[in-house]
PDB file of N, CA and C in Angstrom:
ATOM      1  N   MET A   1      41.211  14.649 -33.512  1.00  0.00           N
ATOM      2  CA  MET A   1      40.724  15.870 -32.901  1.00  0.00           C
ATOM      3  C   MET A   1      39.260  15.709 -32.465  1.00  0.00           C
ATOM      4  N   PHE A   2      38.447  15.172 -33.370  1.00  0.00           N
ATOM      5  CA  PHE A   2      37.034  14.992 -33.052  1.00  0.00           C
ATOM      6  C   PHE A   2      36.858  14.034 -31.867  1.00  0.00           C
ATOM      7  N   ARG A   3      37.682  12.971 -31.803  1.00  0.00           N
ATOM      8  CA  ARG A   3      37.610  12.016 -30.696  1.00  0.00           C
ATOM      9  C   ARG A   3      37.926  12.689 -29.365  1.00  0.00           C
ATOM     10  N   ARG A   4      38.930  13.552 -29.351  1.00  0.00           N
ATOM     11  CA  ARG A   4      39.283  14.253 -28.118  1.00  0.00           C
ATOM     12  C   ARG A   4      38.146  15.157 -27.656  1.00  0.00           C
ATOM     13  N   LEU A   5      37.525  15.853 -28.589  1.00  0.00           N
ATOM     14  CA  LEU A   5      36.402  16.723 -28.255  1.00  0.00           C
ATOM     15  C   LEU A   5      35.242  15.908 -27.705  1.00  0.00           C
ATOM     16  N   LEU A   6      34.955  14.782 -28.333  1.00  0.00           N
ATOM     17  CA  LEU A   6      33.873  13.917 -27.880  1.00  0.00           C
ATOM     18  C   LEU A   6      34.165  13.375 -26.482  1.00  0.00           C
ATOM     19  N   LEU A   7      35.385  12.930 -26.239  1.00  0.00           N
ATOM     20  CA  LEU A   7      35.781  12.413 -24.939  1.00  0.00           C
ATOM     21  C   LEU A   7      35.709  13.507 -23.873  1.00  0.00           C
ATOM     22  N   ALA A   8      36.182  14.684 -24.183  1.00  0.00           N
ATOM     23  CA  ALA A   8      36.141  15.801 -23.231  1.00  0.00           C
ATOM     24  C   ALA A   8      34.698  16.166 -22.902  1.00  0.00           C
ATOM     25  N   THR A   9      33.812  16.180 -23.879  1.00  0.00           N
ATOM     26  CA  THR A   9      32.402  16.489 -23.651  1.00  0.00           C
ATOM     27  C   THR A   9      31.754  15.430 -22.760  1.00  0.00           C
ATOM     28  N   ALA A  10      32.055  14.178 -23.010  1.00  0.00           N
ATOM     29  CA  ALA A  10      31.504  13.091 -22.203  1.00  0.00           C
ATOM     30  C   ALA A  10      31.982  13.175 -20.759  1.00  0.00           C
ATOM     31  N   LEU A  11      33.245  13.475 -20.548  1.00  0.00           N
ATOM     32  CA  LEU A  11      33.780  13.609 -19.192  1.00  0.00           C
ATOM     33  C   LEU A  11      33.155  14.782 -18.459  1.00  0.00           C
ATOM     34  N   MET A  12      32.954  15.895 -19.132  1.00  0.00           N
ATOM     35  CA  MET A  12      32.330  17.058 -18.510  1.00  0.00           C
ATOM     36  C   MET A  12      30.892  16.754 -18.118  1.00  0.00           C
ATOM     37  N   ALA A  13      30.167  16.050 -18.957  1.00  0.00           N
ATOM     38  CA  ALA A  13      28.777  15.703 -18.653  1.00  0.00           C
ATOM     39  C   ALA A  13      28.707  14.768 -17.451  1.00  0.00           C
ATOM     40  N   ALA A  14      29.630  13.838 -17.357  1.00  0.00           N
ATOM     41  CA  ALA A  14      29.633  12.880 -16.255  1.00  0.00           C
ATOM     42  C   ALA A  14      29.947  13.549 -14.926  1.00  0.00           C
ATOM     43  N   THR A  15      30.797  14.553 -14.926  1.00  0.00           N
ATOM     44  CA  THR A  15      31.171  15.216 -13.676  1.00  0.00           C
ATOM     45  C   THR A  15      30.264  16.389 -13.343  1.00  0.00           C
ATOM     46  N   ALA A  16      29.380  16.766 -14.242  1.00  0.00           N
ATOM     47  CA  ALA A  16      28.500  17.905 -13.998  1.00  0.00           C
ATOM     48  C   ALA A  16      27.225  17.518 -13.277  1.00  0.00           C
ATOM     49  N   ALA A  17      27.025  16.230 -12.990  1.00  0.00           N
ATOM     50  CA  ALA A  17      25.814  15.793 -12.295  1.00  0.00           C
ATOM     51  C   ALA A  17      25.774  16.407 -10.909  1.00  0.00           C
ATOM     52  N   PRO A  18      24.583  16.770 -10.412  1.00  0.00           N
ATOM     53  CA  PRO A  18      24.472  17.356  -9.086  1.00  0.00           C
ATOM     54  C   PRO A  18      24.988  16.390  -8.020  1.00  0.00           C
ATOM     55  N   ALA A  19      25.490  16.949  -6.921  1.00  0.00           N
ATOM     56  CA  ALA A  19      26.060  16.130  -5.844  1.00  0.00           C
ATOM     57  C   ALA A  19      25.029  15.203  -5.221  1.00  0.00           C
ATOM     58  N   PHE A  20      23.745  15.571  -5.237  1.00  0.00           N
ATOM     59  CA  PHE A  20      22.737  14.747  -4.584  1.00  0.00           C
ATOM     60  C   PHE A  20      22.233  13.611  -5.463  1.00  0.00           C
ATOM     61  N   ALA A  21      22.703  13.517  -6.684  1.00  0.00           N
ATOM     62  CA  ALA A  21      22.198  12.495  -7.592  1.00  0.00           C
ATOM     63  C   ALA A  21      22.528  11.086  -7.111  1.00  0.00           C
ATOM     64  N   GLN A  22      23.713  10.879  -6.568  1.00  0.00           N
ATOM     65  CA  GLN A  22      24.126   9.578  -6.071  1.00  0.00           C
ATOM     66  C   GLN A  22      24.485   9.718  -4.600  1.00  0.00           C
ATOM     67  N   CYS A  23      23.642   9.190  -3.720  1.00  0.00           N
ATOM     68  CA  CYS A  23      23.931   9.256  -2.297  1.00  0.00           C
ATOM     69  C   CYS A  23      23.164   8.144  -1.592  1.00  0.00           C
ATOM     70  N   ASP A  24      23.442   7.984  -0.328  1.00  0.00           N
ATOM     71  CA  ASP A  24      22.742   7.003   0.492  1.00  0.00           C
ATOM     72  C   ASP A  24      21.431   7.630   0.948  1.00  0.00           C
ATOM     73  N   THR A  25      20.314   7.132   0.455  1.00  0.00           N
ATOM     74  CA  THR A  25      19.008   7.717   0.784  1.00  0.00           C
ATOM     75  C   THR A  25      18.288   6.964   1.901  1.00  0.00           C
ATOM     76  N   ARG A  26      18.935   5.966   2.483  1.00  0.00           N
ATOM     77  CA  ARG A  26      18.293   5.224   3.578  1.00  0.00           C
ATOM     78  C   ARG A  26      18.094   6.134   4.785  1.00  0.00           C
ATOM     79  N   PHE A  27      16.968   5.939   5.470  1.00  0.00           N
ATOM     80  CA  PHE A  27      16.717   6.691   6.695  1.00  0.00           C
ATOM     81  C   PHE A  27      15.832   5.864   7.619  1.00  0.00           C
ATOM     82  N   THR A  28      15.788   6.295   8.866  1.00  0.00           N
ATOM     83  CA  THR A  28      14.971   5.634   9.882  1.00  0.00           C
ATOM     84  C   THR A  28      13.915   6.605  10.384  1.00  0.00           C
ATOM     85  N   LEU A  29      12.687   6.139  10.500  1.00  0.00           N
ATOM     86  CA  LEU A  29      11.631   6.895  11.168  1.00  0.00           C
ATOM     87  C   LEU A  29      11.626   6.426  12.616  1.00  0.00           C
ATOM     88  N   ARG A  30      11.876   7.341  13.535  1.00  0.00           N
ATOM     89  CA  ARG A  30      11.891   7.013  14.965  1.00  0.00           C
ATOM     90  C   ARG A  30      10.737   7.741  15.637  1.00  0.00           C
ATOM     91  N   ASN A  31       9.959   7.003  16.388  1.00  0.00           N
ATOM     92  CA  ASN A  31       8.813   7.586  17.082  1.00  0.00           C
ATOM     93  C   ASN A  31       9.170   7.855  18.537  1.00  0.00           C
ATOM     94  N   SER A  32       9.411   9.122  18.844  1.00  0.00           N
ATOM     95  CA  SER A  32       9.682   9.572  20.210  1.00  0.00           C
ATOM     96  C   SER A  32       8.621  10.577  20.637  1.00  0.00           C
ATOM     97  N   SER A  33       7.420  10.407  20.106  1.00  0.00           N
ATOM     98  CA  SER A  33       6.362  11.403  20.303  1.00  0.00           C
ATOM     99  C   SER A  33       5.505  11.167  21.538  1.00  0.00           C
ATOM    100  N   GLY A  34       5.545   9.974  22.094  1.00  0.00           N
ATOM    101  CA  GLY A  34       4.661   9.656  23.211  1.00  0.00           C
ATOM    102  C   GLY A  34       3.324   9.122  22.752  1.00  0.00           C
ATOM    103  N   ALA A  35       3.108   9.021  21.443  1.00  0.00           N
ATOM    104  CA  ALA A  35       1.849   8.525  20.881  1.00  0.00           C
ATOM    105  C   ALA A  35       2.150   7.621  19.689  1.00  0.00           C
ATOM    106  N   GLN A  36       1.173   6.862  19.306  1.00  0.00           N
ATOM    107  CA  GLN A  36       1.326   5.944  18.174  1.00  0.00           C
ATOM    108  C   GLN A  36       1.222   6.688  16.839  1.00  0.00           C
ATOM    109  N   VAL A  37       2.123   6.394  15.911  1.00  0.00           N
ATOM    110  CA  VAL A  37       2.034   6.931  14.552  1.00  0.00           C
ATOM    111  C   VAL A  37       1.257   5.912  13.723  1.00  0.00           C
ATOM    112  N   ASN A  38       0.148   6.343  13.137  1.00  0.00           N
ATOM    113  CA  ASN A  38      -0.690   5.453  12.330  1.00  0.00           C
ATOM    114  C   ASN A  38      -0.353   5.481  10.851  1.00  0.00           C
ATOM    115  N   GLU A  39       0.147   6.625  10.356  1.00  0.00           N
ATOM    116  CA  GLU A  39       0.447   6.754   8.934  1.00  0.00           C
ATOM    117  C   GLU A  39       1.737   7.535   8.757  1.00  0.00           C
ATOM    118  N   PHE A  40       2.458   7.214   7.671  1.00  0.00           N
ATOM    119  CA  PHE A  40       3.698   7.901   7.350  1.00  0.00           C
ATOM    120  C   PHE A  40       3.804   8.040   5.839  1.00  0.00           C
ATOM    121  N   TYR A  41       4.066   9.262   5.391  1.00  0.00           N
ATOM    122  CA  TYR A  41       4.164   9.558   3.962  1.00  0.00           C
ATOM    123  C   TYR A  41       5.483  10.271   3.692  1.00  0.00           C
ATOM    124  N   PHE A  42       6.082   9.985   2.547  1.00  0.00           N
ATOM    125  CA  PHE A  42       7.248  10.740   2.115  1.00  0.00           C
ATOM    126  C   PHE A  42       7.392  10.627   0.606  1.00  0.00           C
ATOM    127  N   GLY A  43       8.083  11.603   0.045  1.00  0.00           N
ATOM    128  CA  GLY A  43       8.358  11.602  -1.387  1.00  0.00           C
ATOM    129  C   GLY A  43       9.125  12.838  -1.774  1.00  0.00           C
ATOM    130  N   PRO A  44       9.587  12.888  -3.008  1.00  0.00           N
ATOM    131  CA  PRO A  44      10.322  14.061  -3.487  1.00  0.00           C
ATOM    132  C   PRO A  44       9.479  15.330  -3.347  1.00  0.00           C
ATOM    133  N   SER A  45      10.122  16.408  -2.952  1.00  0.00           N
ATOM    134  CA  SER A  45       9.418  17.685  -2.781  1.00  0.00           C
ATOM    135  C   SER A  45       8.793  18.168  -4.078  1.00  0.00           C
ATOM    136  N   SER A  46       9.314  17.727  -5.193  1.00  0.00           N
ATOM    137  CA  SER A  46       8.771  18.136  -6.491  1.00  0.00           C
ATOM    138  C   SER A  46       7.417  17.505  -6.780  1.00  0.00           C
ATOM    139  N   ASN A  47       7.020  16.505  -5.993  1.00  0.00           N
ATOM    140  CA  ASN A  47       5.735  15.826  -6.175  1.00  0.00           C
ATOM    141  C   ASN A  47       4.744  16.368  -5.151  1.00  0.00           C
ATOM    142  N   SER A  48       3.639  16.943  -5.604  1.00  0.00           N
ATOM    143  CA  SER A  48       2.654  17.532  -4.688  1.00  0.00           C
ATOM    144  C   SER A  48       1.703  16.501  -4.088  1.00  0.00           C
ATOM    145  N   ASN A  49       1.761  15.267  -4.544  1.00  0.00           N
ATOM    146  CA  ASN A  49       0.882  14.206  -4.047  1.00  0.00           C
ATOM    147  C   ASN A  49       1.627  13.387  -2.999  1.00  0.00           C
ATOM    148  N   TRP A  50       1.014  13.165  -1.828  1.00  0.00           N
ATOM    149  CA  TRP A  50       1.666  12.395  -0.776  1.00  0.00           C
ATOM    150  C   TRP A  50       1.783  10.914  -1.126  1.00  0.00           C
ATOM    151  N   GLY A  51       0.924  10.428  -1.985  1.00  0.00           N
ATOM    152  CA  GLY A  51       1.006   9.006  -2.339  1.00  0.00           C
ATOM    153  C   GLY A  51       0.443   8.109  -1.255  1.00  0.00           C
ATOM    154  N   ARG A  52       0.969   6.898  -1.197  1.00  0.00           N
ATOM    155  CA  ARG A  52       0.428   5.894  -0.267  1.00  0.00           C
ATOM    156  C   ARG A  52       1.079   5.990   1.113  1.00  0.00           C
ATOM    157  N   ASP A  53       0.375   5.483   2.101  1.00  0.00           N
ATOM    158  CA  ASP A  53       0.875   5.381   3.467  1.00  0.00           C
ATOM    159  C   ASP A  53       2.005   4.357   3.485  1.00  0.00           C
ATOM    160  N   ARG A  54       3.209   4.767   3.842  1.00  0.00           N
ATOM    161  CA  ARG A  54       4.376   3.885   3.804  1.00  0.00           C
ATOM    162  C   ARG A  54       4.395   2.868   4.940  1.00  0.00           C
ATOM    163  N   LEU A  55       3.552   3.058   5.965  1.00  0.00           N
ATOM    164  CA  LEU A  55       3.446   2.041   7.016  1.00  0.00           C
ATOM    165  C   LEU A  55       2.519   0.911   6.593  1.00  0.00           C
ATOM    166  N   GLY A  56       1.699   1.179   5.587  1.00  0.00           N
ATOM    167  CA  GLY A  56       0.773   0.153   5.104  1.00  0.00           C
ATOM    168  C   GLY A  56      -0.202  -0.276   6.191  1.00  0.00           C
ATOM    169  N   GLU A  57      -0.257  -1.554   6.454  1.00  0.00           N
ATOM    170  CA  GLU A  57      -1.152  -2.091   7.486  1.00  0.00           C
ATOM    171  C   GLU A  57      -0.548  -1.968   8.884  1.00  0.00           C
ATOM    172  N   ASN A  58       0.692  -1.524   8.971  1.00  0.00           N
ATOM    173  CA  ASN A  58       1.389  -1.418  10.259  1.00  0.00           C
ATOM    174  C   ASN A  58       1.160  -0.059  10.898  1.00  0.00           C
ATOM    175  N   VAL A  59       1.501   0.036  12.165  1.00  0.00           N
ATOM    176  CA  VAL A  59       1.567   1.297  12.901  1.00  0.00           C
ATOM    177  C   VAL A  59       2.945   1.344  13.556  1.00  0.00           C
ATOM    178  N   LEU A  60       3.324   2.506  14.055  1.00  0.00           N
ATOM    179  CA  LEU A  60       4.606   2.638  14.726  1.00  0.00           C
ATOM    180  C   LEU A  60       4.371   3.131  16.155  1.00  0.00           C
ATOM    181  N   PRO A  61       4.406   2.212  17.113  1.00  0.00           N
ATOM    182  CA  PRO A  61       4.199   2.598  18.514  1.00  0.00           C
ATOM    183  C   PRO A  61       5.309   3.524  19.005  1.00  0.00           C
ATOM    184  N   ASN A  62       5.019   4.280  20.057  1.00  0.00           N
ATOM    185  CA  ASN A  62       6.021   5.137  20.677  1.00  0.00           C
ATOM    186  C   ASN A  62       7.233   4.294  21.092  1.00  0.00           C
ATOM    187  N   GLY A  63       8.420   4.841  20.863  1.00  0.00           N
ATOM    188  CA  GLY A  63       9.649   4.158  21.238  1.00  0.00           C
ATOM    189  C   GLY A  63      10.184   3.190  20.199  1.00  0.00           C
ATOM    190  N   ARG A  64       9.473   3.019  19.107  1.00  0.00           N
ATOM    191  CA  ARG A  64       9.907   2.088  18.055  1.00  0.00           C
ATOM    192  C   ARG A  64      10.409   2.865  16.845  1.00  0.00           C
ATOM    193  N   SER A  65      11.097   2.163  15.964  1.00  0.00           N
ATOM    194  CA  SER A  65      11.584   2.783  14.734  1.00  0.00           C
ATOM    195  C   SER A  65      11.441   1.804  13.582  1.00  0.00           C
ATOM    196  N   MET A  66      11.511   2.350  12.369  1.00  0.00           N
ATOM    197  CA  MET A  66      11.389   1.555  11.152  1.00  0.00           C
ATOM    198  C   MET A  66      12.285   2.184  10.094  1.00  0.00           C
ATOM    199  N   SER A  67      12.976   1.346   9.328  1.00  0.00           N
ATOM    200  CA  SER A  67      13.893   1.827   8.295  1.00  0.00           C
ATOM    201  C   SER A  67      13.222   1.835   6.923  1.00  0.00           C
ATOM    202  N   PHE A  68      13.648   2.797   6.097  1.00  0.00           N
ATOM    203  CA  PHE A  68      13.119   2.949   4.750  1.00  0.00           C
ATOM    204  C   PHE A  68      14.259   3.231   3.783  1.00  0.00           C
ATOM    205  N   THR A  69      14.091   2.799   2.553  1.00  0.00           N
ATOM    206  CA  THR A  69      15.021   3.116   1.475  1.00  0.00           C
ATOM    207  C   THR A  69      14.201   3.581   0.282  1.00  0.00           C
ATOM    208  N   PRO A  70      14.103   4.908   0.095  1.00  0.00           N
ATOM    209  CA  PRO A  70      13.336   5.394  -1.044  1.00  0.00           C
ATOM    210  C   PRO A  70      14.017   5.025  -2.357  1.00  0.00           C
ATOM    211  N   GLY A  71      13.229   4.727  -3.335  1.00  0.00           N
ATOM    212  CA  GLY A  71      13.792   4.508  -4.661  1.00  0.00           C
ATOM    213  C   GLY A  71      14.143   5.837  -5.274  1.00  0.00           C
ATOM    214  N   GLY A  72      14.968   5.822  -6.251  1.00  0.00           N
ATOM    215  CA  GLY A  72      15.301   7.057  -6.957  1.00  0.00           C
ATOM    216  C   GLY A  72      16.509   7.746  -6.386  1.00  0.00           C
ATOM    217  N   ARG A  73      16.633   8.986  -6.724  1.00  0.00           N
ATOM    218  CA  ARG A  73      17.810   9.781  -6.387  1.00  0.00           C
ATOM    219  C   ARG A  73      17.606  10.556  -5.102  1.00  0.00           C
ATOM    220  N   GLY A  74      18.674  11.209  -4.701  1.00  0.00           N
ATOM    221  CA  GLY A  74      18.618  12.080  -3.539  1.00  0.00           C
ATOM    222  C   GLY A  74      17.929  13.379  -3.878  1.00  0.00           C
ATOM    223  N   GLY A  75      18.125  14.364  -3.037  1.00  0.00           N
ATOM    224  CA  GLY A  75      17.517  15.666  -3.230  1.00  0.00           C
ATOM    225  C   GLY A  75      16.554  15.991  -2.110  1.00  0.00           C
ATOM    226  N   ALA A  76      15.663  16.926  -2.342  1.00  0.00           N
ATOM    227  CA  ALA A  76      14.720  17.388  -1.331  1.00  0.00           C
ATOM    228  C   ALA A  76      13.503  16.470  -1.253  1.00  0.00           C
ATOM    229  N   TYR A  77      13.172  16.048  -0.028  1.00  0.00           N
ATOM    230  CA  TYR A  77      12.013  15.201   0.229  1.00  0.00           C
ATOM    231  C   TYR A  77      11.129  15.847   1.278  1.00  0.00           C
ATOM    232  N   ASP A  78       9.832  15.543   1.223  1.00  0.00           N
ATOM    233  CA  ASP A  78       8.854  15.981   2.218  1.00  0.00           C
ATOM    234  C   ASP A  78       8.390  14.763   3.004  1.00  0.00           C
ATOM    235  N   PHE A  79       8.096  14.968   4.301  1.00  0.00           N
ATOM    236  CA  PHE A  79       7.674  13.890   5.186  1.00  0.00           C
ATOM    237  C   PHE A  79       6.440  14.313   5.977  1.00  0.00           C
ATOM    238  N   LYS A  80       5.561  13.349   6.221  1.00  0.00           N
ATOM    239  CA  LYS A  80       4.331  13.627   6.967  1.00  0.00           C
ATOM    240  C   LYS A  80       3.990  12.418   7.841  1.00  0.00           C
ATOM    241  N   VAL A  81       3.621  12.677   9.102  1.00  0.00           N
ATOM    242  CA  VAL A  81       3.122  11.625   9.984  1.00  0.00           C
ATOM    243  C   VAL A  81       1.695  11.959  10.395  1.00  0.00           C
ATOM    244  N   VAL A  82       0.928  10.900  10.656  1.00  0.00           N
ATOM    245  CA  VAL A  82      -0.430  11.038  11.185  1.00  0.00           C
ATOM    246  C   VAL A  82      -0.488  10.182  12.444  1.00  0.00           C
ATOM    247  N   TRP A  83      -0.800  10.816  13.576  1.00  0.00           N
ATOM    248  CA  TRP A  83      -0.889  10.097  14.835  1.00  0.00           C
ATOM    249  C   TRP A  83      -2.253   9.439  14.994  1.00  0.00           C
ATOM    250  N   ALA A  84      -2.366   8.578  15.979  1.00  0.00           N
ATOM    251  CA  ALA A  84      -3.600   7.828  16.238  1.00  0.00           C
ATOM    252  C   ALA A  84      -4.791   8.753  16.486  1.00  0.00           C
ATOM    253  N   ASN A  85      -4.553   9.947  17.030  1.00  0.00           N
ATOM    254  CA  ASN A  85      -5.656  10.879  17.306  1.00  0.00           C
ATOM    255  C   ASN A  85      -6.037  11.712  16.079  1.00  0.00           C
ATOM    256  N   GLY A  86      -5.377  11.470  14.940  1.00  0.00           N
ATOM    257  CA  GLY A  86      -5.695  12.180  13.701  1.00  0.00           C
ATOM    258  C   GLY A  86      -4.872  13.425  13.451  1.00  0.00           C
ATOM    259  N   GLU A  87      -4.094  13.884  14.442  1.00  0.00           N
ATOM    260  CA  GLU A  87      -3.246  15.047  14.235  1.00  0.00           C
ATOM    261  C   GLU A  87      -2.116  14.698  13.271  1.00  0.00           C
ATOM    262  N   THR A  88      -1.649  15.717  12.538  1.00  0.00           N
ATOM    263  CA  THR A  88      -0.587  15.504  11.550  1.00  0.00           C
ATOM    264  C   THR A  88       0.558  16.482  11.785  1.00  0.00           C
ATOM    265  N   ALA A  89       1.707  16.131  11.248  1.00  0.00           N
ATOM    266  CA  ALA A  89       2.865  17.023  11.248  1.00  0.00           C
ATOM    267  C   ALA A  89       3.646  16.763   9.966  1.00  0.00           C
ATOM    268  N   GLU A  90       4.274  17.814   9.461  1.00  0.00           N
ATOM    269  CA  GLU A  90       5.042  17.710   8.225  1.00  0.00           C
ATOM    270  C   GLU A  90       6.386  18.405   8.390  1.00  0.00           C
ATOM    271  N   VAL A  91       7.368  17.907   7.676  1.00  0.00           N
ATOM    272  CA  VAL A  91       8.644  18.590   7.530  1.00  0.00           C
ATOM    273  C   VAL A  91       8.956  18.541   6.042  1.00  0.00           C
ATOM    274  N   MET A  92       9.299  19.696   5.485  1.00  0.00           N
ATOM    275  CA  MET A  92       9.430  19.831   4.038  1.00  0.00           C
ATOM    276  C   MET A  92      10.864  20.136   3.626  1.00  0.00           C
ATOM    277  N   ARG A  93      11.170  19.753   2.388  1.00  0.00           N
ATOM    278  CA  ARG A  93      12.431  20.072   1.718  1.00  0.00           C
ATOM    279  C   ARG A  93      13.651  19.624   2.511  1.00  0.00           C
ATOM    280  N   VAL A  94      13.621  18.383   2.953  1.00  0.00           N
ATOM    281  CA  VAL A  94      14.745  17.784   3.669  1.00  0.00           C
ATOM    282  C   VAL A  94      15.692  17.171   2.644  1.00  0.00           C
ATOM    283  N   ASN A  95      16.969  17.495   2.723  1.00  0.00           N
ATOM    284  CA  ASN A  95      17.950  16.884   1.833  1.00  0.00           C
ATOM    285  C   ASN A  95      18.170  15.447   2.304  1.00  0.00           C
ATOM    286  N   ILE A  96      17.631  14.509   1.564  1.00  0.00           N
ATOM    287  CA  ILE A  96      17.665  13.110   1.969  1.00  0.00           C
ATOM    288  C   ILE A  96      19.081  12.533   1.967  1.00  0.00           C
ATOM    289  N   CYS A  97      20.008  13.205   1.310  1.00  0.00           N
ATOM    290  CA  CYS A  97      21.411  12.763   1.328  1.00  0.00           C
ATOM    291  C   CYS A  97      22.089  13.123   2.648  1.00  0.00           C
ATOM    292  N   GLU A  98      21.552  14.094   3.358  1.00  0.00           N
ATOM    293  CA  GLU A  98      22.150  14.553   4.612  1.00  0.00           C
ATOM    294  C   GLU A  98      21.422  14.057   5.850  1.00  0.00           C
ATOM    295  N   ALA A  99      20.146  13.763   5.743  1.00  0.00           N
ATOM    296  CA  ALA A  99      19.365  13.304   6.907  1.00  0.00           C
ATOM    297  C   ALA A  99      19.328  11.784   6.930  1.00  0.00           C
ATOM    298  N   SER A 100      19.574  11.212   8.084  1.00  0.00           N
ATOM    299  CA  SER A 100      19.503   9.754   8.214  1.00  0.00           C
ATOM    300  C   SER A 100      18.380   9.331   9.143  1.00  0.00           C
ATOM    301  N   GLU A 101      17.708  10.324   9.729  1.00  0.00           N
ATOM    302  CA  GLU A 101      16.648  10.003  10.679  1.00  0.00           C
ATOM    303  C   GLU A 101      15.542  11.054  10.613  1.00  0.00           C
ATOM    304  N   ILE A 102      14.313  10.580  10.597  1.00  0.00           N
ATOM    305  CA  ILE A 102      13.135  11.430  10.742  1.00  0.00           C
ATOM    306  C   ILE A 102      12.540  11.056  12.096  1.00  0.00           C
ATOM    307  N   VAL A 103      12.388  12.050  12.966  1.00  0.00           N
ATOM    308  CA  VAL A 103      11.977  11.773  14.339  1.00  0.00           C
ATOM    309  C   VAL A 103      10.630  12.423  14.622  1.00  0.00           C
ATOM    310  N   ALA A 104       9.673  11.607  15.037  1.00  0.00           N
ATOM    311  CA  ALA A 104       8.388  12.118  15.509  1.00  0.00           C
ATOM    312  C   ALA A 104       8.564  12.466  16.980  1.00  0.00           C
ATOM    313  N   THR A 105       8.282  13.729  17.323  1.00  0.00           N
ATOM    314  CA  THR A 105       8.447  14.225  18.691  1.00  0.00           C
ATOM    315  C   THR A 105       7.094  14.732  19.197  1.00  0.00           C
ATOM    316  N   PRO A 106       6.991  15.070  20.474  1.00  0.00           N
ATOM    317  CA  PRO A 106       5.732  15.647  20.964  1.00  0.00           C
ATOM    318  C   PRO A 106       5.377  16.974  20.286  1.00  0.00           C
ATOM    319  N   ARG A 107       6.362  17.643  19.675  1.00  0.00           N
ATOM    320  CA  ARG A 107       6.133  18.936  19.032  1.00  0.00           C
ATOM    321  C   ARG A 107       5.942  18.846  17.527  1.00  0.00           C
ATOM    322  N   GLY A 108       6.110  17.659  16.939  1.00  0.00           N
ATOM    323  CA  GLY A 108       5.991  17.513  15.488  1.00  0.00           C
ATOM    324  C   GLY A 108       6.996  16.509  14.974  1.00  0.00           C
ATOM    325  N   ILE A 109       7.543  16.757  13.788  1.00  0.00           N
ATOM    326  CA  ILE A 109       8.591  15.881  13.270  1.00  0.00           C
ATOM    327  C   ILE A 109       9.775  16.726  12.824  1.00  0.00           C
ATOM    328  N   GLU A 110      10.958  16.119  12.892  1.00  0.00           N
ATOM    329  CA  GLU A 110      12.166  16.817  12.485  1.00  0.00           C
ATOM    330  C   GLU A 110      13.125  15.846  11.818  1.00  0.00           C
ATOM    331  N   ALA A 111      13.984  16.399  11.001  1.00  0.00           N
ATOM    332  CA  ALA A 111      14.999  15.607  10.296  1.00  0.00           C
ATOM    333  C   ALA A 111      16.328  15.795  11.006  1.00  0.00           C
ATOM    334  N   ARG A 112      17.044  14.707  11.140  1.00  0.00           N
ATOM    335  CA  ARG A 112      18.373  14.754  11.774  1.00  0.00           C
ATOM    336  C   ARG A 112      19.371  14.017  10.923  1.00  0.00           C
TER     337      ARG A 112
END
């Protein structure tokens, strides 16, 4: 009896995990803005710190794209770009399990 209860509890815990816990978090940053992107930041929405520039020493010219695979789980992520002229744009609380592309446009950035 105790074994059945233990097994049932373990099965319930395994299936109760949120749907976003295991998903494909890979995405592409595509620059369709008409200007060069100098910096790119992203991370879980639960983290208020943008962290490091994910382009590092690189830049992303207009018309180019770059792929990223965040570590960790899915869920809500925030994204920020900084263009060569210093202007910035952000898109917040993007479900990284559903978006496969972050696009820099002349009007800002959007998740698709």
